[in-house]
Amino acid sequence: MSSAGTPRIAVVGSGPAGVFTVEALLKSNCRRAFDVFDRLPAPYGLVRYGVAPDHPRIKSVSTVLRRVLENPAVRFFGNVTFGLDIGLDDLLTHYEAVIFATGAPGHRELGVPGEDLPGSRAAGEFVAWYNGHPDAPVDFPLHARQVAVLGAGNVALDVTRLLAKDPRELVGTDVPDHVLDGLRCSSVTDVHLVARRGPVQAKFTTVELRELGLLRGVDVLVRPEELRLDEADERALESNRQARANVDLLREFARRPTTDATRRIHLRFWRSAAAIDGDGAVREVRLADTRPGGGADEVLPVQSVLRAVGYRADPLPGLPFEGRTGTVPHRKGRVVDGGARPVPGCYVTGWLKRGPTGVIGTNKADAVETARCVLEDLADGHRSRASDPNSVPRLLNRRGTEFVNWSDWLRLDSYEIDRGRAQGRDRSKVSDLDAMLAIGKRGQ
């Protein structure tokens, strides 16, 4: 299909949520062209920057996303920040519909004293660092011997695993060189994963939990008394296969004898951080017993805290935002204002739509629902217009935005692959923004 004069749809965000929505529209034979914007020079969102490097099978979904972005009806505009390089009025002027899929880049807070002490950080900052996100600093301090990871989801497990894992096992992954160097110099010996509720309520998957028990040179320690279940827990297990498998695995961990392992993972349940204490830096975490009729507080001596209590979306300029849920208000993907009236031409999908829940595949259903609303509105003739395909590139050029197109990305992609293969790896990521632009735009 020729894109000259074809009505166009804009998608802000090139991760799974946005690209799956484009895919759903393409499969519906929607005769539109698509421009996909991302603030980074590289596509794929959390597939590239959120999935742990030792999970290549999950990262392989980028192959599906790539096929969509290579469709002749789709263009990629990287290094374009919504609200800075291009605004809502610009997009509504040049596109029939705008689909926002910017995810949830922010971090939830604990709301406890000492949360801002040096040594206490959001777990997402560690995730960004080991995945080579351009916003992450080159150095991440791993000087602590004892680390507390607060949370009971897959992010908490990823962070715990990467802290305890022998860095030699990451050599074949796409981890940036400086991250490998930092992990090799890590002083961490003990990682305490602290879950506010019990093993039945934990949100992590059994596959991720089992990986902890397979780490070489690492003991996984579980206190049997924290695995005791009450009648409500037992009933919950009857209808929850994952929780049942998790409890069985945790009980198996608890039965394992300790070894002379150099690193240990302590899985703690029914504990909540009441305060983070220290004189100018983290020295300990005060844990409250959260069981009904629980006992006294417990002091956990640690020198670092990583808070894995959830992500949070940031408000987008010009769009309504629900601060309590951290989402854009919508009806099945149609953005609505404070009076619950649809905002013409604006749609939302992914974490920005439903909150930071689910796995990558969860975005498929979200995408289909949002795409259906877009199609219904287009069929009703909402905002129907032809579009000059050169208008937005001209606009960005006038504003001095050095945007990255698909050919530029492929140049950077090939560079990373070649650099990795020279080291016996599949890929070695470039994480410096200026270097990414130089390689992609100028081949330097």
Protein backbone atom coordinates (compact mmCIF):
# COMPACT_ATOMS: atom_id res chain seq x y z
CA MET A 1 0.00 0.00 0.00
CA SER A 2 1.38 3.40 -0.93
CA SER A 3 1.51 5.76 2.04
CA ALA A 4 1.33 8.93 -0.07
CA GLY A 5 -1.86 10.74 0.90
CA THR A 6 -3.00 7.82 3.05
CA PRO A 7 -4.64 8.73 6.37
CA ARG A 8 -2.19 8.07 9.18
CA ILE A 9 -2.36 6.87 12.78
CA ALA A 10 0.27 7.80 15.38
CA VAL A 11 1.41 5.42 18.12
CA VAL A 12 3.45 6.87 20.99
CA GLY A 13 5.58 4.05 22.37
CA SER A 14 7.28 1.19 20.50
CA GLY A 15 7.06 -1.50 23.18
CA PRO A 16 4.75 -4.53 23.04
CA ALA A 17 1.59 -2.56 23.93
CA GLY A 18 1.96 -0.09 21.07
CA VAL A 19 3.26 -2.52 18.47
CA PHE A 20 0.64 -5.16 19.26
CA THR A 21 -2.02 -2.49 18.67
CA VAL A 22 -0.51 -1.69 15.27
CA GLU A 23 -0.46 -5.42 14.53
CA ALA A 24 -4.14 -5.75 15.46
CA LEU A 25 -5.06 -2.85 13.16
CA LEU A 26 -2.99 -4.24 10.28
CA LYS A 27 -4.63 -7.65 10.66
CA SER A 28 -8.05 -5.99 10.53
CA ASN A 29 -7.18 -4.64 7.06
CA CYS A 30 -7.25 -1.09 8.39
CA ARG A 31 -6.21 0.92 5.35
CA ARG A 32 -4.07 3.40 7.21
CA ALA A 33 -0.37 4.14 7.54
CA PHE A 34 1.24 4.13 10.98
CA ASP A 35 3.95 6.26 12.55
CA VAL A 36 5.40 4.80 15.74
CA PHE A 37 7.25 7.24 18.02
CA ASP A 38 9.66 6.45 20.83
CA ARG A 39 11.75 8.75 22.98
CA LEU A 40 14.73 6.37 22.68
CA PRO A 41 16.70 5.58 19.50
CA ALA A 42 15.96 1.86 19.93
CA PRO A 43 12.53 0.18 19.68
CA TYR A 44 10.87 -2.60 21.72
CA GLY A 45 10.43 -0.81 25.07
CA LEU A 46 10.52 -3.14 28.07
CA VAL A 47 11.44 -6.12 25.90
CA ARG A 48 14.82 -4.46 25.44
CA TYR A 49 15.03 -2.53 28.70
CA GLY A 50 12.91 -4.45 31.22
CA VAL A 51 13.30 -8.18 30.58
CA ALA A 52 16.26 -9.66 32.45
CA PRO A 53 19.25 -10.43 30.21
CA ASP A 54 19.29 -14.09 31.26
CA HIS A 55 15.77 -14.53 29.85
CA PRO A 56 16.50 -14.69 26.10
CA ARG A 57 13.34 -16.67 25.37
CA ILE A 58 11.18 -13.79 26.61
CA LYS A 59 13.35 -11.27 24.77
CA SER A 60 12.74 -13.21 21.55
CA VAL A 61 9.32 -11.54 21.30
CA SER A 62 11.28 -8.69 19.71
CA THR A 63 11.24 -10.82 16.54
CA VAL A 64 7.45 -10.48 16.44
CA LEU A 65 7.64 -6.75 17.11
CA ARG A 66 10.25 -6.33 14.40
CA ARG A 67 8.01 -7.95 11.78
CA VAL A 68 5.31 -5.40 12.55
CA LEU A 69 7.66 -2.42 12.48
CA GLU A 70 9.11 -3.58 9.16
CA ASN A 71 5.69 -3.57 7.51
CA PRO A 72 5.71 -1.10 4.56
CA ALA A 73 2.75 0.72 6.14
CA VAL A 74 4.73 1.45 9.33
CA ARG A 75 7.41 4.06 10.03
CA PHE A 76 9.60 4.34 13.13
CA PHE A 77 10.53 7.69 14.68
CA GLY A 78 13.05 7.14 17.47
CA ASN A 79 14.63 9.78 19.71
CA VAL A 80 11.37 11.76 19.66
CA THR A 81 10.00 12.73 23.07
CA PHE A 82 6.27 13.39 23.36
CA GLY A 83 5.67 16.72 25.06
CA LEU A 84 9.09 18.02 24.07
CA ASP A 85 9.80 17.31 20.40
CA ILE A 86 6.17 16.83 19.44
CA GLY A 87 2.96 17.65 21.29
CA LEU A 88 -0.64 16.55 21.42
CA ASP A 89 -1.84 19.36 19.16
CA ASP A 90 0.79 18.41 16.58
CA LEU A 91 -0.31 14.80 16.55
CA LEU A 92 -4.02 15.57 16.38
CA THR A 93 -3.33 17.94 13.48
CA HIS A 94 -1.46 15.37 11.41
CA TYR A 95 -3.11 12.07 12.37
CA GLU A 96 -6.60 10.63 12.40
CA ALA A 97 -5.94 8.86 15.69
CA VAL A 98 -3.23 8.90 18.35
CA ILE A 99 -2.63 5.79 20.46
CA PHE A 100 -0.59 6.27 23.63
CA ALA A 101 1.45 3.30 24.83
CA THR A 102 4.17 4.88 26.95
CA GLY A 103 4.00 2.35 29.77
CA ALA A 104 4.80 3.11 33.39
CA PRO A 105 8.36 4.42 33.66
CA GLY A 106 7.99 5.82 37.19
CA HIS A 107 8.33 4.00 40.50
CA ARG A 108 5.92 3.63 43.40
CA GLU A 109 7.08 4.71 46.83
CA LEU A 110 6.95 2.79 50.10
CA GLY A 111 5.97 5.81 52.16
CA VAL A 112 8.14 4.86 55.15
CA PRO A 113 10.76 6.86 57.07
CA GLY A 114 14.25 6.61 55.61
CA GLU A 115 13.09 5.68 52.13
CA ASP A 116 15.27 8.44 50.64
CA LEU A 117 18.47 7.51 52.49
CA PRO A 118 21.54 6.92 50.31
CA GLY A 119 21.60 3.21 49.55
CA SER A 120 17.81 2.97 49.20
CA ARG A 121 16.73 2.92 45.55
CA ALA A 122 13.87 1.79 43.37
CA ALA A 123 14.50 -1.68 41.98
CA GLY A 124 13.63 -0.31 38.54
CA GLU A 125 16.84 1.73 38.63
CA PHE A 126 18.84 -1.48 38.99
CA VAL A 127 16.80 -3.08 36.18
CA ALA A 128 17.52 -0.09 33.94
CA TRP A 129 21.22 -0.31 34.75
CA TYR A 130 21.70 -4.01 34.03
CA ASN A 131 19.67 -3.66 30.81
CA GLY A 132 21.74 -0.73 29.54
CA HIS A 133 19.00 1.90 29.52
CA PRO A 134 20.39 5.26 28.35
CA ASP A 135 18.85 7.00 31.39
CA ALA A 136 20.71 4.74 33.83
CA PRO A 137 24.10 5.80 35.22
CA VAL A 138 27.14 3.88 34.05
CA ASP A 139 27.98 2.89 37.63
CA PHE A 140 25.57 1.23 40.05
CA PRO A 141 26.93 0.86 43.59
CA LEU A 142 27.21 -2.79 44.63
CA HIS A 143 29.42 -2.22 47.66
CA ALA A 144 26.92 -3.63 50.18
CA ARG A 145 27.33 -7.16 51.45
CA GLN A 146 23.73 -7.42 52.70
CA VAL A 147 20.90 -6.22 50.42
CA ALA A 148 17.15 -6.14 51.09
CA VAL A 149 14.81 -6.46 48.12
CA LEU A 150 11.32 -5.38 49.12
CA GLY A 151 8.56 -6.95 47.03
CA ALA A 152 7.03 -10.26 45.98
CA GLY A 153 6.64 -10.03 42.20
CA ASN A 154 8.74 -11.12 39.25
CA VAL A 155 10.73 -7.87 39.28
CA ALA A 156 11.79 -8.62 42.86
CA LEU A 157 12.85 -12.11 41.79
CA ASP A 158 14.76 -10.78 38.77
CA VAL A 159 16.63 -8.29 40.92
CA THR A 160 17.37 -10.91 43.57
CA ARG A 161 18.60 -13.40 40.98
CA LEU A 162 20.87 -10.92 39.19
CA LEU A 163 22.40 -9.80 42.50
CA ALA A 164 23.20 -13.38 43.50
CA LYS A 165 24.12 -14.85 40.13
CA ASP A 166 27.70 -15.56 39.14
CA PRO A 167 28.44 -12.89 36.49
CA ARG A 168 30.26 -15.49 34.41
CA GLU A 169 26.84 -16.92 33.61
CA LEU A 170 25.85 -13.60 32.00
CA VAL A 171 28.76 -13.40 29.59
CA GLY A 172 26.70 -14.86 26.73
CA THR A 173 23.83 -12.40 27.18
CA ASP A 174 23.28 -8.89 25.81
CA VAL A 175 24.42 -7.24 29.07
CA PRO A 176 26.50 -4.11 28.35
CA ASP A 177 30.21 -4.42 29.01
CA HIS A 178 30.20 -1.91 31.88
CA VAL A 179 27.43 -3.86 33.63
CA LEU A 180 29.42 -7.08 33.48
CA ASP A 181 32.39 -5.22 34.95
CA GLY A 182 30.20 -3.84 37.75
CA LEU A 183 28.73 -7.25 38.61
CA ARG A 184 32.19 -8.81 38.69
CA CYS A 185 33.18 -6.28 41.35
CA SER A 186 30.03 -6.79 43.44
CA SER A 187 30.47 -7.25 47.20
CA VAL A 188 27.00 -8.78 47.69
CA THR A 189 26.94 -11.99 49.72
CA ASP A 190 23.36 -12.04 51.06
CA VAL A 191 20.11 -10.95 49.40
CA HIS A 192 16.99 -10.79 51.58
CA LEU A 193 13.76 -10.82 49.57
CA VAL A 194 11.07 -9.47 51.90
CA ALA A 195 7.40 -10.14 51.08
CA ARG A 196 4.64 -8.27 52.89
CA ARG A 197 2.23 -11.21 52.72
CA GLY A 198 2.52 -14.99 52.77
CA PRO A 199 3.71 -17.52 50.20
CA VAL A 200 0.18 -18.12 48.92
CA GLN A 201 -0.27 -14.44 48.06
CA ALA A 202 3.13 -13.96 46.38
CA LYS A 203 2.80 -12.67 42.81
CA PHE A 204 5.89 -14.24 41.29
CA THR A 205 5.63 -17.12 38.84
CA THR A 206 6.85 -20.61 39.63
CA VAL A 207 9.24 -20.56 36.68
CA GLU A 208 11.01 -17.50 38.08
CA LEU A 209 11.03 -18.90 41.61
CA ARG A 210 12.54 -22.19 40.45
CA GLU A 211 15.42 -20.30 38.82
CA LEU A 212 16.62 -19.19 42.25
CA GLY A 213 17.14 -22.80 43.26
CA LEU A 214 19.24 -23.48 40.17
CA LEU A 215 21.82 -20.76 40.77
CA ARG A 216 25.31 -22.16 41.13
CA GLY A 217 27.12 -21.38 44.37
CA VAL A 218 23.98 -19.93 45.98
CA ASP A 219 21.97 -21.24 48.95
CA VAL A 220 18.25 -20.41 49.04
CA LEU A 221 17.08 -20.17 52.65
CA VAL A 222 13.43 -20.28 53.72
CA ARG A 223 12.12 -20.37 57.27
CA PRO A 224 9.62 -23.24 57.69
CA GLU A 225 7.57 -21.27 60.22
CA GLU A 226 6.88 -18.61 57.59
CA LEU A 227 5.36 -21.26 55.29
CA ARG A 228 2.65 -22.32 57.73
CA LEU A 229 -0.78 -21.91 56.19
CA ASP A 230 -4.12 -21.19 57.81
CA GLU A 231 -7.47 -22.52 56.64
CA ALA A 232 -8.02 -19.61 54.24
CA ASP A 233 -4.62 -20.24 52.65
CA GLU A 234 -5.37 -23.92 52.25
CA ARG A 235 -8.66 -23.14 50.53
CA ALA A 236 -6.93 -20.65 48.24
CA LEU A 237 -4.43 -23.31 47.16
CA GLU A 238 -7.23 -25.58 45.97
CA SER A 239 -8.13 -23.20 43.16
CA ASN A 240 -4.74 -21.61 42.45
CA ARG A 241 -2.32 -23.93 40.65
CA GLN A 242 0.52 -21.39 40.59
CA ALA A 243 0.28 -20.66 44.32
CA ARG A 244 0.20 -24.40 45.03
CA ALA A 245 3.33 -24.94 42.92
CA ASN A 246 5.05 -21.99 44.61
CA VAL A 247 4.34 -23.33 48.10
CA ASP A 248 5.55 -26.81 47.15
CA LEU A 249 8.78 -25.35 45.80
CA LEU A 250 9.31 -23.13 48.83
CA ARG A 251 8.86 -26.12 51.11
CA GLU A 252 11.46 -27.98 49.07
CA PHE A 253 13.84 -25.02 49.47
CA ALA A 254 13.23 -25.06 53.23
CA ARG A 255 14.26 -28.73 53.41
CA ARG A 256 17.54 -28.22 51.59
CA PRO A 257 20.68 -28.45 53.73
CA THR A 258 22.91 -25.39 53.76
CA THR A 259 26.27 -25.56 52.02
CA ASP A 260 29.46 -23.54 51.95
CA ALA A 261 28.00 -21.35 49.18
CA THR A 262 29.54 -17.89 48.90
CA ARG A 263 26.16 -16.23 48.34
CA ARG A 264 22.78 -16.70 49.95
CA ILE A 265 19.20 -15.74 49.12
CA HIS A 266 16.87 -15.38 52.12
CA LEU A 267 13.16 -15.57 51.21
CA ARG A 268 11.14 -13.90 53.94
CA PHE A 269 7.35 -13.77 54.23
CA TRP A 270 4.87 -11.88 56.39
CA ARG A 271 7.28 -8.98 56.81
CA SER A 272 6.81 -5.34 55.85
CA ALA A 273 9.35 -2.53 55.94
CA ALA A 274 8.28 -0.15 58.72
CA ALA A 275 11.35 2.08 58.42
CA ILE A 276 14.75 2.26 56.82
CA ASP A 277 17.35 3.46 59.31
CA GLY A 278 20.89 4.73 59.11
CA ASP A 279 23.15 7.66 59.89
CA GLY A 280 23.57 9.24 56.46
CA ALA A 281 23.21 5.89 54.66
CA VAL A 282 21.23 2.67 54.96
CA ARG A 283 22.29 0.59 57.95
CA GLU A 284 19.19 -1.53 58.62
CA VAL A 285 15.54 -2.11 57.80
CA ARG A 286 12.98 -2.41 60.54
CA LEU A 287 10.52 -5.14 59.60
CA ALA A 288 7.02 -5.41 61.02
CA ASP A 289 5.35 -8.80 61.39
CA THR A 290 2.23 -8.59 59.19
CA ARG A 291 0.57 -11.82 60.29
CA PRO A 292 -2.68 -11.49 62.24
CA GLY A 293 -1.59 -10.97 65.82
CA GLY A 294 2.01 -10.73 64.63
CA GLY A 295 4.92 -10.29 66.96
CA ALA A 296 7.48 -7.56 67.55
CA ASP A 297 9.43 -5.70 64.90
CA GLU A 298 12.59 -7.29 63.57
CA VAL A 299 15.77 -5.46 62.61
CA LEU A 300 17.45 -6.61 59.41
CA PRO A 301 21.05 -5.35 59.11
CA VAL A 302 21.61 -4.36 55.48
CA GLN A 303 23.61 -1.70 53.67
CA SER A 304 21.37 -1.42 50.61
CA VAL A 305 17.63 -1.54 49.89
CA LEU A 306 15.98 -2.08 46.50
CA ARG A 307 12.27 -1.28 46.50
CA ALA A 308 10.36 -3.51 44.08
CA VAL A 309 6.87 -2.34 45.03
CA GLY A 310 5.63 -1.45 41.56
CA TYR A 311 5.92 0.89 38.61
CA ARG A 312 3.86 3.98 37.95
CA ALA A 313 2.93 5.90 34.81
CA ASP A 314 3.72 9.58 34.50
CA PRO A 315 1.12 12.15 33.35
CA LEU A 316 1.35 13.05 29.67
CA PRO A 317 1.02 16.71 28.59
CA GLY A 318 -2.49 17.47 27.42
CA LEU A 319 -4.06 14.17 28.51
CA PRO A 320 -6.23 13.55 31.57
CA PHE A 321 -4.60 11.46 34.28
CA GLU A 322 -5.89 9.48 37.24
CA GLY A 323 -3.34 9.95 40.01
CA ARG A 324 -4.74 7.25 42.28
CA THR A 325 -4.38 4.47 39.71
CA GLY A 326 -1.55 6.02 37.71
CA THR A 327 -3.45 5.57 34.45
CA VAL A 328 -5.14 7.62 31.75
CA PRO A 329 -8.95 7.43 32.22
CA HIS A 330 -10.58 5.58 29.35
CA ARG A 331 -13.47 3.45 28.17
CA LYS A 332 -12.16 0.30 26.52
CA GLY A 333 -9.18 2.29 25.29
CA ARG A 334 -10.93 5.52 24.31
CA VAL A 335 -9.48 8.34 26.42
CA VAL A 336 -12.16 10.21 28.38
CA ASP A 337 -12.01 13.55 30.16
CA GLY A 338 -13.08 14.45 33.69
CA GLY A 339 -16.70 14.34 32.62
CA ALA A 340 -16.27 10.86 31.13
CA ARG A 341 -16.61 12.28 27.62
CA PRO A 342 -14.38 10.75 24.90
CA VAL A 343 -11.41 12.87 23.88
CA PRO A 344 -11.63 12.81 20.06
CA GLY A 345 -8.82 10.96 18.35
CA CYS A 346 -7.05 9.83 21.56
CA TYR A 347 -6.63 6.22 22.68
CA VAL A 348 -4.55 4.34 25.23
CA THR A 349 -3.19 0.82 25.61
CA GLY A 350 -0.89 -1.24 27.84
CA TRP A 351 0.23 -0.23 31.33
CA LEU A 352 -0.86 3.35 30.74
CA LYS A 353 -4.35 1.93 30.23
CA ARG A 354 -4.65 -0.80 32.88
CA GLY A 355 -1.77 -0.15 35.28
CA PRO A 356 1.50 -2.10 35.61
CA THR A 357 0.07 -5.60 35.79
CA GLY A 358 0.35 -8.74 33.73
CA VAL A 359 3.06 -10.09 31.48
CA ILE A 360 4.05 -9.18 27.91
CA GLY A 361 1.30 -11.34 26.44
CA THR A 362 -1.34 -9.52 28.50
CA ASN A 363 -0.87 -6.57 26.16
CA LYS A 364 -2.37 -8.59 23.30
CA ALA A 365 -5.92 -8.45 24.66
CA ASP A 366 -5.47 -4.78 25.56
CA ALA A 367 -4.29 -4.05 22.04
CA VAL A 368 -7.20 -5.83 20.40
CA GLU A 369 -9.73 -3.96 22.55
CA THR A 370 -8.18 -0.56 21.81
CA ALA A 371 -7.81 -1.37 18.10
CA ARG A 372 -11.49 -2.27 17.94
CA CYS A 373 -12.44 1.15 19.32
CA VAL A 374 -10.18 2.88 16.79
CA LEU A 375 -11.76 0.92 13.95
CA GLU A 376 -15.29 1.70 15.13
CA ASP A 377 -14.53 5.42 15.26
CA LEU A 378 -12.82 5.41 11.86
CA ALA A 379 -15.82 3.61 10.37
CA ASP A 380 -18.04 6.39 11.73
CA GLY A 381 -15.92 8.93 9.87
CA HIS A 382 -14.38 10.47 13.00
CA ARG A 383 -11.58 12.84 12.01
CA SER A 384 -11.18 11.20 8.59
CA ARG A 385 -8.54 12.96 6.48
CA ALA A 386 -5.70 12.29 4.07
CA SER A 387 -2.18 13.02 5.27
CA ASP A 388 1.05 14.30 3.78
CA PRO A 389 3.63 11.68 4.83
CA ASN A 390 6.38 14.31 4.81
CA SER A 391 4.67 16.80 7.11
CA VAL A 392 5.85 15.32 10.42
CA PRO A 393 9.47 14.73 9.31
CA ARG A 394 9.56 18.36 8.14
CA LEU A 395 8.12 19.50 11.48
CA LEU A 396 10.76 17.55 13.43
CA ASN A 397 13.53 18.84 11.20
CA ARG A 398 12.42 22.44 11.74
CA ARG A 399 12.58 21.85 15.49
CA GLY A 400 16.08 20.40 15.28
CA THR A 401 15.04 16.93 16.42
CA GLU A 402 17.56 14.32 15.31
CA PHE A 403 15.02 11.55 14.87
CA VAL A 404 16.01 7.96 14.16
CA ASN A 405 14.29 6.05 11.37
CA TRP A 406 14.15 2.28 10.89
CA SER A 407 17.28 2.18 8.73
CA ASP A 408 19.16 4.07 11.43
CA TRP A 409 18.02 1.57 14.04
CA LEU A 410 19.09 -1.37 11.86
CA ARG A 411 22.55 0.18 11.62
CA LEU A 412 22.77 0.37 15.41
CA ASP A 413 21.27 -3.13 15.72
CA SER A 414 23.92 -4.58 13.40
CA TYR A 415 26.68 -2.77 15.28
CA GLU A 416 25.58 -4.28 18.61
CA ILE A 417 25.35 -7.77 17.11
CA ASP A 418 28.78 -7.53 15.45
CA ARG A 419 30.36 -6.20 18.65
CA GLY A 420 28.80 -9.01 20.66
CA ARG A 421 29.91 -11.74 18.26
CA ALA A 422 33.46 -10.45 18.43
CA GLN A 423 33.25 -11.25 22.17
CA GLY A 424 31.56 -14.62 21.67
CA ARG A 425 28.13 -13.21 22.54
CA ASP A 426 24.88 -12.67 20.62
CA ARG A 427 24.89 -8.93 21.27
CA SER A 428 26.66 -6.24 23.25
CA LYS A 429 24.33 -3.31 23.89
CA VAL A 430 25.27 0.32 23.44
CA SER A 431 23.82 2.27 26.36
CA ASP A 432 25.17 5.79 25.85
CA LEU A 433 22.58 7.95 24.08
CA ASP A 434 25.09 10.03 22.12
CA ALA A 435 26.88 6.88 20.97
CA MET A 436 23.58 5.30 19.91
CA LEU A 437 22.75 8.34 17.79
CA ALA A 438 26.24 8.56 16.32
CA ILE A 439 26.20 4.90 15.28
CA GLY A 440 22.61 4.91 14.04
CA LYS A 441 22.57 8.26 12.25
CA ARG A 442 26.16 8.55 11.10
CA GLY A 443 27.60 5.05 11.25
CA GLN A 444 30.33 6.19 13.63
